[in-house]
Amino acid sequence: MTIRLERIDNEDGRTEFRIAVGESDADAWETALAALVGLANGSRPPLRKASPEDNAARELPGKLLKRLRTECRMTQKEAAAIAGTTQTRISDFECGVRTIPHEIAVIFARRFGVEPGDFEVR
């Protein structure tokens, strides 16, 4: 996959960046960049009250991750791009093969509007 980054210095003093990626990766890049811009701007979705499904999934953080990810129609590859990891690790988290590290739990908590502790084994 080739990624091109172009810097554009405007006459009004603003700087823009243009990123060119392959069509097959465009959705994952859009999701990851939107999350990054949101974090940079200090925005985060409002926290929501845990549902009965969330409470049941607390015992299995990977199932919670999978449910929240699929509710957003996000692929494992897109989730991996947001978390700065691989699709294989996302699969391992969801299947319970690996625990979700705190730094990745924080990223997903911000993205899905839940608490990082929701992804911890209890």
PDB file of N, CA and C in Angstrom:
ATOM      1  N   MET A   1       0.847  -1.164   0.000  1.00  0.00           N
ATOM      2  CA  MET A   1       0.000   0.000   0.000  1.00  0.00           C
ATOM      3  C   MET A   1       0.898   1.234   0.000  1.00  0.00           C
ATOM      4  N   THR A   2       0.650   2.139  -0.907  1.00  0.00           N
ATOM      5  CA  THR A   2       1.383   3.391  -0.977  1.00  0.00           C
ATOM      6  C   THR A   2       0.513   4.506  -0.419  1.00  0.00           C
ATOM      7  N   ILE A   3       1.110   5.314   0.435  1.00  0.00           N
ATOM      8  CA  ILE A   3       0.412   6.459   1.014  1.00  0.00           C
ATOM      9  C   ILE A   3       1.192   7.701   0.621  1.00  0.00           C
ATOM     10  N   ARG A   4       0.478   8.685   0.101  1.00  0.00           N
ATOM     11  CA  ARG A   4       1.121   9.957  -0.257  1.00  0.00           C
ATOM     12  C   ARG A   4       0.580  11.044   0.658  1.00  0.00           C
ATOM     13  N   LEU A   5       1.477  11.876   1.151  1.00  0.00           N
ATOM     14  CA  LEU A   5       1.103  13.011   1.986  1.00  0.00           C
ATOM     15  C   LEU A   5       1.581  14.279   1.299  1.00  0.00           C
ATOM     16  N   GLU A   6       0.674  15.217   1.122  1.00  0.00           N
ATOM     17  CA  GLU A   6       1.003  16.480   0.461  1.00  0.00           C
ATOM     18  C   GLU A   6       0.682  17.625   1.418  1.00  0.00           C
ATOM     19  N   ARG A   7       1.644  18.533   1.594  1.00  0.00           N
ATOM     20  CA  ARG A   7       1.438  19.717   2.425  1.00  0.00           C
ATOM     21  C   ARG A   7       1.083  20.883   1.511  1.00  0.00           C
ATOM     22  N   ILE A   8       0.034  21.619   1.888  1.00  0.00           N
ATOM     23  CA  ILE A   8      -0.422  22.752   1.087  1.00  0.00           C
ATOM     24  C   ILE A   8      -0.437  23.983   1.995  1.00  0.00           C
ATOM     25  N   ASP A   9       0.462  24.941   1.727  1.00  0.00           N
ATOM     26  CA  ASP A   9       0.509  26.194   2.481  1.00  0.00           C
ATOM     27  C   ASP A   9      -0.342  27.219   1.749  1.00  0.00           C
ATOM     28  N   ASN A  10      -1.438  27.626   2.372  1.00  0.00           N
ATOM     29  CA  ASN A  10      -2.364  28.570   1.756  1.00  0.00           C
ATOM     30  C   ASN A  10      -1.901  30.010   1.966  1.00  0.00           C
ATOM     31  N   GLU A  11      -2.371  30.894   1.099  1.00  0.00           N
ATOM     32  CA  GLU A  11      -2.018  32.310   1.195  1.00  0.00           C
ATOM     33  C   GLU A  11      -2.558  32.947   2.465  1.00  0.00           C
ATOM     34  N   ASP A  12      -3.622  32.405   3.021  1.00  0.00           N
ATOM     35  CA  ASP A  12      -4.212  32.983   4.234  1.00  0.00           C
ATOM     36  C   ASP A  12      -3.505  32.528   5.513  1.00  0.00           C
ATOM     37  N   GLY A  13      -2.391  31.822   5.368  1.00  0.00           N
ATOM     38  CA  GLY A  13      -1.606  31.390   6.517  1.00  0.00           C
ATOM     39  C   GLY A  13      -1.980  30.023   7.062  1.00  0.00           C
ATOM     40  N   ARG A  14      -3.028  29.411   6.529  1.00  0.00           N
ATOM     41  CA  ARG A  14      -3.419  28.077   6.980  1.00  0.00           C
ATOM     42  C   ARG A  14      -2.609  27.028   6.224  1.00  0.00           C
ATOM     43  N   THR A  15      -2.408  25.913   6.846  1.00  0.00           N
ATOM     44  CA  THR A  15      -1.736  24.793   6.202  1.00  0.00           C
ATOM     45  C   THR A  15      -2.705  23.627   6.153  1.00  0.00           C
ATOM     46  N   GLU A  16      -2.811  23.015   4.996  1.00  0.00           N
ATOM     47  CA  GLU A  16      -3.662  21.846   4.817  1.00  0.00           C
ATOM     48  C   GLU A  16      -2.784  20.664   4.436  1.00  0.00           C
ATOM     49  N   PHE A  17      -3.288  19.480   4.714  1.00  0.00           N
ATOM     50  CA  PHE A  17      -2.603  18.265   4.308  1.00  0.00           C
ATOM     51  C   PHE A  17      -3.563  17.413   3.500  1.00  0.00           C
ATOM     52  N   ARG A  18      -3.061  16.833   2.450  1.00  0.00           N
ATOM     53  CA  ARG A  18      -3.854  15.925   1.622  1.00  0.00           C
ATOM     54  C   ARG A  18      -3.174  14.557   1.689  1.00  0.00           C
ATOM     55  N   ILE A  19      -3.960  13.547   2.003  1.00  0.00           N
ATOM     56  CA  ILE A  19      -3.453  12.183   2.091  1.00  0.00           C
ATOM     57  C   ILE A  19      -4.107  11.371   0.987  1.00  0.00           C
ATOM     58  N   ALA A  20      -3.304  10.678   0.217  1.00  0.00           N
ATOM     59  CA  ALA A  20      -3.819   9.806  -0.838  1.00  0.00           C
ATOM     60  C   ALA A  20      -3.532   8.359  -0.442  1.00  0.00           C
ATOM     61  N   VAL A  21      -4.597   7.558  -0.374  1.00  0.00           N
ATOM     62  CA  VAL A  21      -4.473   6.143  -0.025  1.00  0.00           C
ATOM     63  C   VAL A  21      -5.236   5.325  -1.050  1.00  0.00           C
ATOM     64  N   GLY A  22      -4.989   4.043  -1.062  1.00  0.00           N
ATOM     65  CA  GLY A  22      -5.718   3.157  -1.960  1.00  0.00           C
ATOM     66  C   GLY A  22      -7.193   3.109  -1.607  1.00  0.00           C
ATOM     67  N   GLU A  23      -8.022   2.891  -2.606  1.00  0.00           N
ATOM     68  CA  GLU A  23      -9.474   2.874  -2.398  1.00  0.00           C
ATOM     69  C   GLU A  23      -9.890   1.824  -1.371  1.00  0.00           C
ATOM     70  N   SER A  24      -9.214   0.685  -1.376  1.00  0.00           N
ATOM     71  CA  SER A  24      -9.596  -0.388  -0.449  1.00  0.00           C
ATOM     72  C   SER A  24      -9.313  -0.023   1.009  1.00  0.00           C
ATOM     73  N   ASP A  25      -8.417   0.939   1.241  1.00  0.00           N
ATOM     74  CA  ASP A  25      -8.072   1.348   2.601  1.00  0.00           C
ATOM     75  C   ASP A  25      -8.728   2.657   3.017  1.00  0.00           C
ATOM     76  N   ALA A  26      -9.481   3.278   2.127  1.00  0.00           N
ATOM     77  CA  ALA A  26     -10.019   4.620   2.375  1.00  0.00           C
ATOM     78  C   ALA A  26     -10.924   4.669   3.602  1.00  0.00           C
ATOM     79  N   ASP A  27     -11.809   3.697   3.775  1.00  0.00           N
ATOM     80  CA  ASP A  27     -12.733   3.721   4.915  1.00  0.00           C
ATOM     81  C   ASP A  27     -11.984   3.619   6.244  1.00  0.00           C
ATOM     82  N   ALA A  28     -10.989   2.738   6.296  1.00  0.00           N
ATOM     83  CA  ALA A  28     -10.214   2.591   7.529  1.00  0.00           C
ATOM     84  C   ALA A  28      -9.460   3.879   7.850  1.00  0.00           C
ATOM     85  N   TRP A  29      -8.872   4.500   6.825  1.00  0.00           N
ATOM     86  CA  TRP A  29      -8.160   5.763   7.039  1.00  0.00           C
ATOM     87  C   TRP A  29      -9.110   6.864   7.480  1.00  0.00           C
ATOM     88  N   GLU A  30     -10.286   6.932   6.883  1.00  0.00           N
ATOM     89  CA  GLU A  30     -11.253   7.967   7.260  1.00  0.00           C
ATOM     90  C   GLU A  30     -11.663   7.811   8.723  1.00  0.00           C
ATOM     91  N   THR A  31     -11.929   6.584   9.141  1.00  0.00           N
ATOM     92  CA  THR A  31     -12.322   6.326  10.523  1.00  0.00           C
ATOM     93  C   THR A  31     -11.198   6.695  11.486  1.00  0.00           C
ATOM     94  N   ALA A  32      -9.974   6.271  11.152  1.00  0.00           N
ATOM     95  CA  ALA A  32      -8.832   6.551  12.025  1.00  0.00           C
ATOM     96  C   ALA A  32      -8.541   8.044  12.111  1.00  0.00           C
ATOM     97  N   LEU A  33      -8.576   8.732  10.982  1.00  0.00           N
ATOM     98  CA  LEU A  33      -8.300  10.173  10.981  1.00  0.00           C
ATOM     99  C   LEU A  33      -9.395  10.953  11.694  1.00  0.00           C
ATOM    100  N   ALA A  34     -10.649  10.544  11.532  1.00  0.00           N
ATOM    101  CA  ALA A  34     -11.745  11.222  12.229  1.00  0.00           C
ATOM    102  C   ALA A  34     -11.570  11.081  13.740  1.00  0.00           C
ATOM    103  N   ALA A  35     -11.168   9.902  14.192  1.00  0.00           N
ATOM    104  CA  ALA A  35     -10.934   9.693  15.621  1.00  0.00           C
ATOM    105  C   ALA A  35      -9.769  10.548  16.102  1.00  0.00           C
ATOM    106  N   LEU A  36      -8.708  10.613  15.315  1.00  0.00           N
ATOM    107  CA  LEU A  36      -7.539  11.412  15.670  1.00  0.00           C
ATOM    108  C   LEU A  36      -7.882  12.895  15.751  1.00  0.00           C
ATOM    109  N   VAL A  37      -8.613  13.398  14.772  1.00  0.00           N
ATOM    110  CA  VAL A  37      -9.020  14.806  14.774  1.00  0.00           C
ATOM    111  C   VAL A  37      -9.921  15.088  15.976  1.00  0.00           C
ATOM    112  N   GLY A  38     -10.833  14.180  16.260  1.00  0.00           N
ATOM    113  CA  GLY A  38     -11.702  14.354  17.419  1.00  0.00           C
ATOM    114  C   GLY A  38     -10.915  14.420  18.717  1.00  0.00           C
ATOM    115  N   LEU A  39      -9.925  13.540  18.869  1.00  0.00           N
ATOM    116  CA  LEU A  39      -9.096  13.563  20.068  1.00  0.00           C
ATOM    117  C   LEU A  39      -8.282  14.848  20.140  1.00  0.00           C
ATOM    118  N   ALA A  40      -7.732  15.286  19.005  1.00  0.00           N
ATOM    119  CA  ALA A  40      -6.936  16.516  18.971  1.00  0.00           C
ATOM    120  C   ALA A  40      -7.781  17.730  19.333  1.00  0.00           C
ATOM    121  N   ASN A  41      -9.044  17.716  18.955  1.00  0.00           N
ATOM    122  CA  ASN A  41      -9.947  18.830  19.259  1.00  0.00           C
ATOM    123  C   ASN A  41     -10.562  18.711  20.652  1.00  0.00           C
ATOM    124  N   GLY A  42     -10.220  17.657  21.361  1.00  0.00           N
ATOM    125  CA  GLY A  42     -10.730  17.479  22.718  1.00  0.00           C
ATOM    126  C   GLY A  42     -12.158  16.977  22.784  1.00  0.00           C
ATOM    127  N   SER A  43     -12.696  16.546  21.656  1.00  0.00           N
ATOM    128  CA  SER A  43     -14.077  16.064  21.681  1.00  0.00           C
ATOM    129  C   SER A  43     -14.099  14.573  21.973  1.00  0.00           C
ATOM    130  N   ARG A  44     -15.182  14.171  22.527  1.00  0.00           N
ATOM    131  CA  ARG A  44     -15.368  12.759  22.824  1.00  0.00           C
ATOM    132  C   ARG A  44     -16.859  12.534  22.927  1.00  0.00           C
ATOM    133  N   PRO A  45     -17.346  11.397  22.457  1.00  0.00           N
ATOM    134  CA  PRO A  45     -18.783  11.155  22.554  1.00  0.00           C
ATOM    135  C   PRO A  45     -19.217  11.164  24.018  1.00  0.00           C
ATOM    136  N   PRO A  46     -20.439  11.584  24.295  1.00  0.00           N
ATOM    137  CA  PRO A  46     -20.892  11.587  25.688  1.00  0.00           C
ATOM    138  C   PRO A  46     -20.934  10.166  26.240  1.00  0.00           C
ATOM    139  N   LEU A  47     -20.583  10.022  27.498  1.00  0.00           N
ATOM    140  CA  LEU A  47     -20.650   8.703  28.117  1.00  0.00           C
ATOM    141  C   LEU A  47     -22.107   8.300  28.252  1.00  0.00           C
ATOM    142  N   ARG A  48     -22.362   7.034  28.015  1.00  0.00           N
ATOM    143  CA  ARG A  48     -23.729   6.565  28.119  1.00  0.00           C
ATOM    144  C   ARG A  48     -23.820   5.597  29.279  1.00  0.00           C
ATOM    145  N   LYS A  49     -25.008   5.461  29.796  1.00  0.00           N
ATOM    146  CA  LYS A  49     -25.241   4.541  30.901  1.00  0.00           C
ATOM    147  C   LYS A  49     -25.125   3.110  30.366  1.00  0.00           C
ATOM    148  N   ALA A  50     -24.521   2.255  31.158  1.00  0.00           N
ATOM    149  CA  ALA A  50     -24.354   0.869  30.736  1.00  0.00           C
ATOM    150  C   ALA A  50     -25.717   0.208  30.569  1.00  0.00           C
ATOM    151  N   SER A  51     -25.853  -0.538  29.485  1.00  0.00           N
ATOM    152  CA  SER A  51     -27.085  -1.282  29.234  1.00  0.00           C
ATOM    153  C   SER A  51     -26.936  -2.677  29.844  1.00  0.00           C
ATOM    154  N   PRO A  52     -28.028  -3.439  29.927  1.00  0.00           N
ATOM    155  CA  PRO A  52     -27.906  -4.813  30.421  1.00  0.00           C
ATOM    156  C   PRO A  52     -26.913  -5.626  29.589  1.00  0.00           C
ATOM    157  N   GLU A  53     -26.867  -5.357  28.281  1.00  0.00           N
ATOM    158  CA  GLU A  53     -25.908  -6.065  27.428  1.00  0.00           C
ATOM    159  C   GLU A  53     -24.481  -5.715  27.843  1.00  0.00           C
ATOM    160  N   ASP A  54     -24.233  -4.424  28.165  1.00  0.00           N
ATOM    161  CA  ASP A  54     -22.904  -4.006  28.609  1.00  0.00           C
ATOM    162  C   ASP A  54     -22.527  -4.721  29.903  1.00  0.00           C
ATOM    163  N   ASN A  55     -23.476  -4.787  30.856  1.00  0.00           N
ATOM    164  CA  ASN A  55     -23.187  -5.429  32.136  1.00  0.00           C
ATOM    165  C   ASN A  55     -22.841  -6.898  31.953  1.00  0.00           C
ATOM    166  N   ALA A  56     -23.548  -7.579  31.059  1.00  0.00           N
ATOM    167  CA  ALA A  56     -23.248  -8.982  30.791  1.00  0.00           C
ATOM    168  C   ALA A  56     -21.877  -9.116  30.146  1.00  0.00           C
ATOM    169  N   ALA A  57     -21.541  -8.182  29.281  1.00  0.00           N
ATOM    170  CA  ALA A  57     -20.275  -8.255  28.555  1.00  0.00           C
ATOM    171  C   ALA A  57     -19.090  -7.847  29.412  1.00  0.00           C
ATOM    172  N   ARG A  58     -19.328  -7.225  30.575  1.00  0.00           N
ATOM    173  CA  ARG A  58     -18.215  -6.816  31.433  1.00  0.00           C
ATOM    174  C   ARG A  58     -17.324  -7.999  31.785  1.00  0.00           C
ATOM    175  N   GLU A  59     -17.898  -9.169  31.902  1.00  0.00           N
ATOM    176  CA  GLU A  59     -17.101 -10.347  32.209  1.00  0.00           C
ATOM    177  C   GLU A  59     -16.217 -10.723  31.026  1.00  0.00           C
ATOM    178  N   LEU A  60     -16.617 -10.336  29.838  1.00  0.00           N
ATOM    179  CA  LEU A  60     -15.871 -10.669  28.631  1.00  0.00           C
ATOM    180  C   LEU A  60     -15.637  -9.393  27.824  1.00  0.00           C
ATOM    181  N   PRO A  61     -14.562  -8.668  28.114  1.00  0.00           N
ATOM    182  CA  PRO A  61     -14.308  -7.400  27.431  1.00  0.00           C
ATOM    183  C   PRO A  61     -14.232  -7.530  25.915  1.00  0.00           C
ATOM    184  N   GLY A  62     -13.738  -8.650  25.426  1.00  0.00           N
ATOM    185  CA  GLY A  62     -13.648  -8.846  23.984  1.00  0.00           C
ATOM    186  C   GLY A  62     -15.012  -8.861  23.315  1.00  0.00           C
ATOM    187  N   LYS A  63     -15.990  -9.457  23.988  1.00  0.00           N
ATOM    188  CA  LYS A  63     -17.356  -9.472  23.431  1.00  0.00           C
ATOM    189  C   LYS A  63     -17.935  -8.069  23.402  1.00  0.00           C
ATOM    190  N   LEU A  64     -17.638  -7.267  24.427  1.00  0.00           N
ATOM    191  CA  LEU A  64     -18.087  -5.874  24.442  1.00  0.00           C
ATOM    192  C   LEU A  64     -17.452  -5.112  23.285  1.00  0.00           C
ATOM    193  N   LEU A  65     -16.150  -5.301  23.093  1.00  0.00           N
ATOM    194  CA  LEU A  65     -15.460  -4.632  21.987  1.00  0.00           C
ATOM    195  C   LEU A  65     -16.096  -5.016  20.656  1.00  0.00           C
ATOM    196  N   LYS A  66     -16.336  -6.298  20.460  1.00  0.00           N
ATOM    197  CA  LYS A  66     -16.920  -6.752  19.196  1.00  0.00           C
ATOM    198  C   LYS A  66     -18.311  -6.163  18.987  1.00  0.00           C
ATOM    199  N   ARG A  67     -19.130  -6.159  20.042  1.00  0.00           N
ATOM    200  CA  ARG A  67     -20.488  -5.628  19.900  1.00  0.00           C
ATOM    201  C   ARG A  67     -20.469  -4.138  19.572  1.00  0.00           C
ATOM    202  N   LEU A  68     -19.658  -3.368  20.297  1.00  0.00           N
ATOM    203  CA  LEU A  68     -19.593  -1.929  20.035  1.00  0.00           C
ATOM    204  C   LEU A  68     -19.042  -1.653  18.637  1.00  0.00           C
ATOM    205  N   ARG A  69     -18.024  -2.414  18.251  1.00  0.00           N
ATOM    206  CA  ARG A  69     -17.413  -2.240  16.925  1.00  0.00           C
ATOM    207  C   ARG A  69     -18.413  -2.549  15.820  1.00  0.00           C
ATOM    208  N   THR A  70     -19.130  -3.661  15.956  1.00  0.00           N
ATOM    209  CA  THR A  70     -20.076  -4.037  14.898  1.00  0.00           C
ATOM    210  C   THR A  70     -21.294  -3.121  14.873  1.00  0.00           C
ATOM    211  N   GLU A  71     -21.702  -2.600  16.043  1.00  0.00           N
ATOM    212  CA  GLU A  71     -22.802  -1.632  16.059  1.00  0.00           C
ATOM    213  C   GLU A  71     -22.450  -0.382  15.248  1.00  0.00           C
ATOM    214  N   CYS A  72     -21.169  -0.051  15.224  1.00  0.00           N
ATOM    215  CA  CYS A  72     -20.696   1.116  14.451  1.00  0.00           C
ATOM    216  C   CYS A  72     -20.351   0.741  13.013  1.00  0.00           C
ATOM    217  N   ARG A  73     -20.624  -0.507  12.653  1.00  0.00           N
ATOM    218  CA  ARG A  73     -20.285  -1.023  11.322  1.00  0.00           C
ATOM    219  C   ARG A  73     -18.797  -0.826  11.005  1.00  0.00           C
ATOM    220  N   MET A  74     -17.974  -1.077  12.006  1.00  0.00           N
ATOM    221  CA  MET A  74     -16.534  -0.933  11.887  1.00  0.00           C
ATOM    222  C   MET A  74     -15.913  -2.321  11.728  1.00  0.00           C
ATOM    223  N   THR A  75     -14.986  -2.457  10.804  1.00  0.00           N
ATOM    224  CA  THR A  75     -14.291  -3.726  10.623  1.00  0.00           C
ATOM    225  C   THR A  75     -13.170  -3.852  11.654  1.00  0.00           C
ATOM    226  N   GLN A  76     -12.666  -5.064  11.802  1.00  0.00           N
ATOM    227  CA  GLN A  76     -11.512  -5.263  12.682  1.00  0.00           C
ATOM    228  C   GLN A  76     -10.314  -4.474  12.163  1.00  0.00           C
ATOM    229  N   LYS A  77     -10.178  -4.394  10.866  1.00  0.00           N
ATOM    230  CA  LYS A  77      -9.069  -3.640  10.267  1.00  0.00           C
ATOM    231  C   LYS A  77      -9.176  -2.154  10.612  1.00  0.00           C
ATOM    232  N   GLU A  78     -10.381  -1.614  10.576  1.00  0.00           N
ATOM    233  CA  GLU A  78     -10.591  -0.207  10.934  1.00  0.00           C
ATOM    234  C   GLU A  78     -10.316   0.019  12.422  1.00  0.00           C
ATOM    235  N   ALA A  79     -10.761  -0.920  13.258  1.00  0.00           N
ATOM    236  CA  ALA A  79     -10.498  -0.813  14.697  1.00  0.00           C
ATOM    237  C   ALA A  79      -8.997  -0.867  14.967  1.00  0.00           C
ATOM    238  N   ALA A  80      -8.302  -1.717  14.231  1.00  0.00           N
ATOM    239  CA  ALA A  80      -6.852  -1.821  14.386  1.00  0.00           C
ATOM    240  C   ALA A  80      -6.164  -0.511  14.018  1.00  0.00           C
ATOM    241  N   ALA A  81      -6.629   0.134  12.949  1.00  0.00           N
ATOM    242  CA  ALA A  81      -6.040   1.413  12.533  1.00  0.00           C
ATOM    243  C   ALA A  81      -6.239   2.473  13.611  1.00  0.00           C
ATOM    244  N   ILE A  82      -7.409   2.499  14.223  1.00  0.00           N
ATOM    245  CA  ILE A  82      -7.690   3.466  15.289  1.00  0.00           C
ATOM    246  C   ILE A  82      -6.783   3.216  16.495  1.00  0.00           C
ATOM    247  N   ALA A  83      -6.591   1.947  16.835  1.00  0.00           N
ATOM    248  CA  ALA A  83      -5.829   1.585  18.032  1.00  0.00           C
ATOM    249  C   ALA A  83      -4.327   1.496  17.782  1.00  0.00           C
ATOM    250  N   GLY A  84      -3.917   1.600  16.532  1.00  0.00           N
ATOM    251  CA  GLY A  84      -2.493   1.495  16.223  1.00  0.00           C
ATOM    252  C   GLY A  84      -1.953   0.094  16.429  1.00  0.00           C
ATOM    253  N   THR A  85      -2.755  -0.890  16.066  1.00  0.00           N
ATOM    254  CA  THR A  85      -2.348  -2.281  16.226  1.00  0.00           C
ATOM    255  C   THR A  85      -2.740  -3.052  14.969  1.00  0.00           C
ATOM    256  N   THR A  86      -2.749  -4.356  15.050  1.00  0.00           N
ATOM    257  CA  THR A  86      -3.057  -5.178  13.881  1.00  0.00           C
ATOM    258  C   THR A  86      -4.464  -5.766  13.982  1.00  0.00           C
ATOM    259  N   GLN A  87      -4.978  -6.182  12.846  1.00  0.00           N
ATOM    260  CA  GLN A  87      -6.289  -6.838  12.806  1.00  0.00           C
ATOM    261  C   GLN A  87      -6.239  -8.134  13.611  1.00  0.00           C
ATOM    262  N   THR A  88      -5.110  -8.826  13.568  1.00  0.00           N
ATOM    263  CA  THR A  88      -4.965 -10.079  14.310  1.00  0.00           C
ATOM    264  C   THR A  88      -5.117  -9.847  15.811  1.00  0.00           C
ATOM    265  N   ARG A  89      -4.526  -8.769  16.320  1.00  0.00           N
ATOM    266  CA  ARG A  89      -4.658  -8.470  17.758  1.00  0.00           C
ATOM    267  C   ARG A  89      -6.105  -8.140  18.118  1.00  0.00           C
ATOM    268  N   ILE A  90      -6.802  -7.404  17.234  1.00  0.00           N
ATOM    269  CA  ILE A  90      -8.212  -7.098  17.499  1.00  0.00           C
ATOM    270  C   ILE A  90      -8.995  -8.403  17.595  1.00  0.00           C
ATOM    271  N   SER A  91      -8.736  -9.319  16.674  1.00  0.00           N
ATOM    272  CA  SER A  91      -9.395 -10.627  16.709  1.00  0.00           C
ATOM    273  C   SER A  91      -9.074 -11.355  18.016  1.00  0.00           C
ATOM    274  N   ASP A  92      -7.801 -11.309  18.424  1.00  0.00           N
ATOM    275  CA  ASP A  92      -7.399 -11.952  19.679  1.00  0.00           C
ATOM    276  C   ASP A  92      -8.106 -11.327  20.885  1.00  0.00           C
ATOM    277  N   PHE A  93      -8.262  -9.990  20.883  1.00  0.00           N
ATOM    278  CA  PHE A  93      -8.989  -9.323  21.973  1.00  0.00           C
ATOM    279  C   PHE A  93     -10.430  -9.827  22.015  1.00  0.00           C
ATOM    280  N   GLU A  94     -11.068  -9.845  20.847  1.00  0.00           N
ATOM    281  CA  GLU A  94     -12.484 -10.213  20.776  1.00  0.00           C
ATOM    282  C   GLU A  94     -12.730 -11.675  21.144  1.00  0.00           C
ATOM    283  N   CYS A  95     -11.774 -12.533  20.853  1.00  0.00           N
ATOM    284  CA  CYS A  95     -11.918 -13.963  21.163  1.00  0.00           C
ATOM    285  C   CYS A  95     -11.454 -14.304  22.577  1.00  0.00           C
ATOM    286  N   GLY A  96     -10.898 -13.317  23.280  1.00  0.00           N
ATOM    287  CA  GLY A  96     -10.418 -13.556  24.633  1.00  0.00           C
ATOM    288  C   GLY A  96      -9.053 -14.200  24.707  1.00  0.00           C
ATOM    289  N   VAL A  97      -8.337 -14.263  23.578  1.00  0.00           N
ATOM    290  CA  VAL A  97      -6.994 -14.836  23.560  1.00  0.00           C
ATOM    291  C   VAL A  97      -6.013 -13.893  24.252  1.00  0.00           C
ATOM    292  N   ARG A  98      -6.226 -12.588  24.089  1.00  0.00           N
ATOM    293  CA  ARG A  98      -5.389 -11.561  24.713  1.00  0.00           C
ATOM    294  C   ARG A  98      -6.273 -10.606  25.495  1.00  0.00           C
ATOM    295  N   THR A  99      -5.725 -10.066  26.573  1.00  0.00           N
ATOM    296  CA  THR A  99      -6.439  -9.003  27.277  1.00  0.00           C
ATOM    297  C   THR A  99      -6.178  -7.688  26.550  1.00  0.00           C
ATOM    298  N   ILE A 100      -7.084  -6.754  26.695  1.00  0.00           N
ATOM    299  CA  ILE A 100      -6.964  -5.457  26.031  1.00  0.00           C
ATOM    300  C   ILE A 100      -6.099  -4.562  26.911  1.00  0.00           C
ATOM    301  N   PRO A 101      -4.924  -4.127  26.404  1.00  0.00           N
ATOM    302  CA  PRO A 101      -4.063  -3.249  27.208  1.00  0.00           C
ATOM    303  C   PRO A 101      -4.768  -1.930  27.531  1.00  0.00           C
ATOM    304  N   HIS A 102      -4.403  -1.351  28.674  1.00  0.00           N
ATOM    305  CA  HIS A 102      -5.060  -0.126  29.134  1.00  0.00           C
ATOM    306  C   HIS A 102      -5.010   0.985  28.090  1.00  0.00           C
ATOM    307  N   GLU A 103      -3.852   1.183  27.446  1.00  0.00           N
ATOM    308  CA  GLU A 103      -3.746   2.282  26.474  1.00  0.00           C
ATOM    309  C   GLU A 103      -4.692   2.085  25.286  1.00  0.00           C
ATOM    310  N   ILE A 104      -4.924   0.856  24.889  1.00  0.00           N
ATOM    311  CA  ILE A 104      -5.874   0.582  23.805  1.00  0.00           C
ATOM    312  C   ILE A 104      -7.303   0.693  24.333  1.00  0.00           C
ATOM    313  N   ALA A 105      -7.530   0.279  25.571  1.00  0.00           N
ATOM    314  CA  ALA A 105      -8.862   0.426  26.181  1.00  0.00           C
ATOM    315  C   ALA A 105      -9.269   1.895  26.232  1.00  0.00           C
ATOM    316  N   VAL A 106      -8.312   2.780  26.522  1.00  0.00           N
ATOM    317  CA  VAL A 106      -8.599   4.223  26.566  1.00  0.00           C
ATOM    318  C   VAL A 106      -9.021   4.720  25.187  1.00  0.00           C
ATOM    319  N   ILE A 107      -8.323   4.278  24.150  1.00  0.00           N
ATOM    320  CA  ILE A 107      -8.658   4.688  22.777  1.00  0.00           C
ATOM    321  C   ILE A 107     -10.069   4.231  22.418  1.00  0.00           C
ATOM    322  N   PHE A 108     -10.379   2.959  22.680  1.00  0.00           N
ATOM    323  CA  PHE A 108     -11.707   2.443  22.345  1.00  0.00           C
ATOM    324  C   PHE A 108     -12.794   3.084  23.211  1.00  0.00           C
ATOM    325  N   ALA A 109     -12.493   3.343  24.471  1.00  0.00           N
ATOM    326  CA  ALA A 109     -13.481   3.982  25.351  1.00  0.00           C
ATOM    327  C   ALA A 109     -13.868   5.351  24.806  1.00  0.00           C
ATOM    328  N   ARG A 110     -12.882   6.113  24.370  1.00  0.00           N
ATOM    329  CA  ARG A 110     -13.176   7.429  23.788  1.00  0.00           C
ATOM    330  C   ARG A 110     -13.974   7.287  22.505  1.00  0.00           C
ATOM    331  N   ARG A 111     -13.621   6.330  21.684  1.00  0.00           N
ATOM    332  CA  ARG A 111     -14.288   6.156  20.393  1.00  0.00           C
ATOM    333  C   ARG A 111     -15.739   5.716  20.568  1.00  0.00           C
ATOM    334  N   PHE A 112     -15.986   4.818  21.538  1.00  0.00           N
ATOM    335  CA  PHE A 112     -17.319   4.246  21.690  1.00  0.00           C
ATOM    336  C   PHE A 112     -18.143   4.900  22.799  1.00  0.00           C
ATOM    337  N   GLY A 113     -17.561   5.851  23.525  1.00  0.00           N
ATOM    338  CA  GLY A 113     -18.308   6.563  24.554  1.00  0.00           C
ATOM    339  C   GLY A 113     -18.589   5.753  25.808  1.00  0.00           C
ATOM    340  N   VAL A 114     -17.637   4.905  26.182  1.00  0.00           N
ATOM    341  CA  VAL A 114     -17.756   4.128  27.415  1.00  0.00           C
ATOM    342  C   VAL A 114     -16.522   4.418  28.274  1.00  0.00           C
ATOM    343  N   GLU A 115     -16.401   3.754  29.398  1.00  0.00           N
ATOM    344  CA  GLU A 115     -15.255   3.926  30.287  1.00  0.00           C
ATOM    345  C   GLU A 115     -14.171   2.900  29.953  1.00  0.00           C
ATOM    346  N   PRO A 116     -12.878   3.267  30.099  1.00  0.00           N
ATOM    347  CA  PRO A 116     -11.808   2.296  29.840  1.00  0.00           C
ATOM    348  C   PRO A 116     -11.950   1.024  30.676  1.00  0.00           C
ATOM    349  N   GLY A 117     -12.452   1.158  31.905  1.00  0.00           N
ATOM    350  CA  GLY A 117     -12.626  -0.005  32.774  1.00  0.00           C
ATOM    351  C   GLY A 117     -13.610  -1.030  32.233  1.00  0.00           C
ATOM    352  N   ASP A 118     -14.470  -0.593  31.307  1.00  0.00           N
ATOM    353  CA  ASP A 118     -15.415  -1.534  30.705  1.00  0.00           C
ATOM    354  C   ASP A 118     -14.698  -2.619  29.907  1.00  0.00           C
ATOM    355  N   PHE A 119     -13.435  -2.364  29.527  1.00  0.00           N
ATOM    356  CA  PHE A 119     -12.667  -3.337  28.749  1.00  0.00           C
ATOM    357  C   PHE A 119     -11.698  -4.138  29.619  1.00  0.00           C
ATOM    358  N   GLU A 120     -11.809  -4.002  30.950  1.00  0.00           N
ATOM    359  CA  GLU A 120     -10.944  -4.744  31.859  1.00  0.00           C
ATOM    360  C   GLU A 120     -11.646  -6.009  32.331  1.00  0.00           C
ATOM    361  N   VAL A 121     -10.865  -7.040  32.566  1.00  0.00           N
ATOM    362  CA  VAL A 121     -11.408  -8.297  33.092  1.00  0.00           C
ATOM    363  C   VAL A 121     -11.744  -8.072  34.554  1.00  0.00           C
ATOM    364  N   ARG A 122     -12.948  -8.473  34.949  1.00  0.00           N
ATOM    365  CA  ARG A 122     -13.384  -8.297  36.358  1.00  0.00           C
ATOM    366  C   ARG A 122     -13.637  -9.630  36.994  1.00  0.00           C
TER     367      ARG A 122
END
